[in-house]
């Protein structure tokens, strides 16, 4: 992440720590640096929208 943050900051893209801090300031839970978009009984959706990308990942669980 450090390399990603260093390279992408040249292009004005948010650093991972900035994403996490902004979410936490708004009272949004995070997992590592990714804000939690939604939770269900068997799914968590994480993600962030930035100037270059709208990123979302779905994590499914099962018994």
N, C-alpha and C. Protein backbone atom coordinates (compact mmCIF):
# COMPACT_ATOMS: atom_id res chain seq x y z
N UNK A 1 0.83 -1.19 0.00
CA UNK A 1 0.00 0.00 0.00
C UNK A 1 0.87 1.25 0.00
N UNK A 2 2.01 1.18 0.65
CA UNK A 2 2.90 2.36 0.70
C UNK A 2 3.35 2.74 -0.71
N UNK A 3 3.70 1.74 -1.51
CA UNK A 3 4.12 2.02 -2.89
C UNK A 3 2.95 2.57 -3.69
N UNK A 4 1.79 1.96 -3.56
CA UNK A 4 0.59 2.43 -4.26
C UNK A 4 0.29 3.86 -3.89
N UNK A 5 0.32 4.17 -2.60
CA UNK A 5 0.03 5.53 -2.14
C UNK A 5 1.03 6.53 -2.70
N UNK A 6 2.30 6.17 -2.69
CA UNK A 6 3.33 7.07 -3.20
C UNK A 6 3.18 7.37 -4.67
N UNK A 7 2.96 6.34 -5.45
CA UNK A 7 2.83 6.50 -6.91
C UNK A 7 1.54 7.24 -7.26
N UNK A 8 0.43 6.82 -6.67
CA UNK A 8 -0.86 7.39 -7.04
C UNK A 8 -1.05 8.82 -6.54
N UNK A 9 -0.37 9.19 -5.47
CA UNK A 9 -0.51 10.57 -4.98
C UNK A 9 0.03 11.58 -5.99
N UNK A 10 0.93 11.16 -6.85
CA UNK A 10 1.44 12.03 -7.92
C UNK A 10 0.29 12.46 -8.83
N UNK A 11 -0.69 11.57 -9.00
CA UNK A 11 -1.82 11.83 -9.89
C UNK A 11 -3.05 12.38 -9.16
N UNK A 12 -2.90 12.71 -7.89
CA UNK A 12 -4.01 13.30 -7.15
C UNK A 12 -5.01 12.31 -6.59
N UNK A 13 -4.64 11.03 -6.56
CA UNK A 13 -5.53 10.00 -6.03
C UNK A 13 -5.34 9.93 -4.51
N UNK A 14 -6.44 9.70 -3.80
CA UNK A 14 -6.39 9.65 -2.34
C UNK A 14 -5.47 8.54 -1.85
N UNK A 15 -4.74 8.83 -0.77
CA UNK A 15 -3.93 7.80 -0.11
C UNK A 15 -4.86 6.90 0.69
N UNK A 16 -4.43 5.68 0.91
CA UNK A 16 -5.25 4.72 1.65
C UNK A 16 -5.56 5.23 3.06
N UNK A 17 -4.61 5.88 3.69
CA UNK A 17 -4.84 6.41 5.03
C UNK A 17 -5.85 7.54 5.03
N UNK A 18 -5.90 8.30 3.94
CA UNK A 18 -6.88 9.39 3.82
C UNK A 18 -8.29 8.81 3.66
N UNK A 19 -8.40 7.72 2.91
CA UNK A 19 -9.69 7.06 2.73
C UNK A 19 -10.20 6.56 4.07
N UNK A 20 -9.33 5.90 4.82
CA UNK A 20 -9.72 5.36 6.12
C UNK A 20 -10.08 6.49 7.09
N UNK A 21 -9.28 7.53 7.16
CA UNK A 21 -9.53 8.63 8.09
C UNK A 21 -10.84 9.35 7.76
N UNK A 22 -11.12 9.56 6.48
CA UNK A 22 -12.37 10.23 6.09
C UNK A 22 -13.58 9.39 6.48
N UNK A 23 -13.50 8.09 6.29
CA UNK A 23 -14.62 7.21 6.66
C UNK A 23 -14.84 7.23 8.17
N UNK A 24 -13.75 7.11 8.92
CA UNK A 24 -13.87 7.10 10.38
C UNK A 24 -14.39 8.43 10.92
N UNK A 25 -14.01 9.53 10.27
CA UNK A 25 -14.49 10.85 10.68
C UNK A 25 -16.01 10.95 10.50
N UNK A 26 -16.54 10.27 9.48
CA UNK A 26 -17.99 10.26 9.21
C UNK A 26 -18.71 9.20 10.04
N UNK A 27 -17.96 8.44 10.85
CA UNK A 27 -18.57 7.40 11.66
C UNK A 27 -18.83 6.11 10.90
N UNK A 28 -18.16 5.93 9.78
CA UNK A 28 -18.31 4.73 8.96
C UNK A 28 -17.27 3.71 9.39
N UNK A 29 -17.69 2.48 9.61
CA UNK A 29 -16.76 1.42 9.95
C UNK A 29 -15.82 1.15 8.79
N UNK A 30 -14.63 0.68 9.11
CA UNK A 30 -13.67 0.29 8.08
C UNK A 30 -13.11 -1.09 8.41
N UNK A 31 -12.68 -1.77 7.39
CA UNK A 31 -11.90 -2.99 7.53
C UNK A 31 -10.60 -2.70 6.80
N UNK A 32 -9.53 -2.74 7.51
CA UNK A 32 -8.23 -2.19 7.10
C UNK A 32 -8.49 -0.76 6.67
N UNK A 33 -8.24 -0.42 5.41
CA UNK A 33 -8.44 0.97 4.98
C UNK A 33 -9.75 1.17 4.23
N UNK A 34 -10.51 0.11 4.01
CA UNK A 34 -11.70 0.20 3.18
C UNK A 34 -12.97 0.44 3.99
N UNK A 35 -13.75 1.47 3.63
CA UNK A 35 -15.02 1.73 4.30
C UNK A 35 -16.03 0.62 4.03
N UNK A 36 -16.82 0.31 5.05
CA UNK A 36 -17.89 -0.68 4.91
C UNK A 36 -19.10 0.03 4.29
N UNK A 37 -19.51 -0.43 3.13
CA UNK A 37 -20.65 0.16 2.43
C UNK A 37 -21.95 -0.45 2.93
N UNK A 38 -21.96 -1.77 3.08
CA UNK A 38 -23.17 -2.43 3.60
C UNK A 38 -22.79 -3.75 4.26
N UNK A 39 -23.70 -4.19 5.13
CA UNK A 39 -23.55 -5.48 5.82
C UNK A 39 -24.87 -6.22 5.76
N UNK A 40 -24.78 -7.50 5.59
CA UNK A 40 -25.94 -8.38 5.67
C UNK A 40 -25.50 -9.59 6.47
N UNK A 41 -26.41 -10.52 6.68
CA UNK A 41 -26.10 -11.69 7.48
C UNK A 41 -24.90 -12.47 6.95
N UNK A 42 -24.79 -12.56 5.62
CA UNK A 42 -23.71 -13.34 5.03
C UNK A 42 -22.87 -12.59 4.01
N UNK A 43 -22.91 -11.25 4.05
CA UNK A 43 -22.13 -10.47 3.08
C UNK A 43 -21.73 -9.13 3.68
N UNK A 44 -20.51 -8.73 3.37
CA UNK A 44 -20.03 -7.39 3.69
C UNK A 44 -19.53 -6.78 2.39
N UNK A 45 -19.94 -5.56 2.09
CA UNK A 45 -19.47 -4.86 0.90
C UNK A 45 -18.60 -3.70 1.35
N UNK A 46 -17.36 -3.67 0.84
CA UNK A 46 -16.40 -2.61 1.14
C UNK A 46 -16.14 -1.83 -0.14
N UNK A 47 -15.74 -0.57 -0.01
CA UNK A 47 -15.40 0.16 -1.22
C UNK A 47 -15.18 1.63 -1.01
N UNK A 48 -14.84 2.29 -2.11
CA UNK A 48 -14.56 3.72 -2.10
C UNK A 48 -14.70 4.24 -3.53
N UNK A 49 -15.21 5.45 -3.65
CA UNK A 49 -15.26 6.13 -4.94
C UNK A 49 -14.22 7.23 -4.93
N UNK A 50 -13.43 7.32 -5.98
CA UNK A 50 -12.42 8.36 -6.11
C UNK A 50 -12.48 8.90 -7.54
N UNK A 51 -11.65 9.85 -7.84
CA UNK A 51 -11.70 10.49 -9.15
C UNK A 51 -11.40 9.53 -10.29
N UNK A 52 -10.65 8.48 -10.05
CA UNK A 52 -10.25 7.56 -11.12
C UNK A 52 -10.97 6.22 -11.09
N UNK A 53 -11.70 5.93 -10.00
CA UNK A 53 -12.21 4.58 -9.85
C UNK A 53 -13.30 4.53 -8.79
N UNK A 54 -14.33 3.72 -9.04
CA UNK A 54 -15.33 3.39 -8.02
C UNK A 54 -15.11 1.92 -7.71
N UNK A 55 -14.51 1.65 -6.56
CA UNK A 55 -14.08 0.32 -6.19
C UNK A 55 -15.01 -0.27 -5.15
N UNK A 56 -15.46 -1.50 -5.38
CA UNK A 56 -16.27 -2.22 -4.40
C UNK A 56 -15.86 -3.68 -4.41
N UNK A 57 -15.86 -4.27 -3.24
CA UNK A 57 -15.58 -5.70 -3.11
C UNK A 57 -16.63 -6.31 -2.19
N UNK A 58 -17.12 -7.46 -2.55
CA UNK A 58 -18.13 -8.17 -1.76
C UNK A 58 -17.47 -9.39 -1.14
N UNK A 59 -17.64 -9.53 0.17
CA UNK A 59 -17.12 -10.69 0.89
C UNK A 59 -18.32 -11.49 1.39
N UNK A 60 -18.43 -12.71 0.87
CA UNK A 60 -19.53 -13.59 1.25
C UNK A 60 -19.04 -14.63 2.25
N UNK A 61 -19.89 -14.97 3.19
CA UNK A 61 -19.57 -16.03 4.15
C UNK A 61 -20.65 -17.09 4.07
N UNK A 62 -20.30 -18.27 4.49
CA UNK A 62 -21.29 -19.34 4.54
C UNK A 62 -20.98 -20.25 5.73
N UNK A 63 -22.01 -20.92 6.19
CA UNK A 63 -21.85 -21.82 7.33
C UNK A 63 -21.16 -23.09 6.92
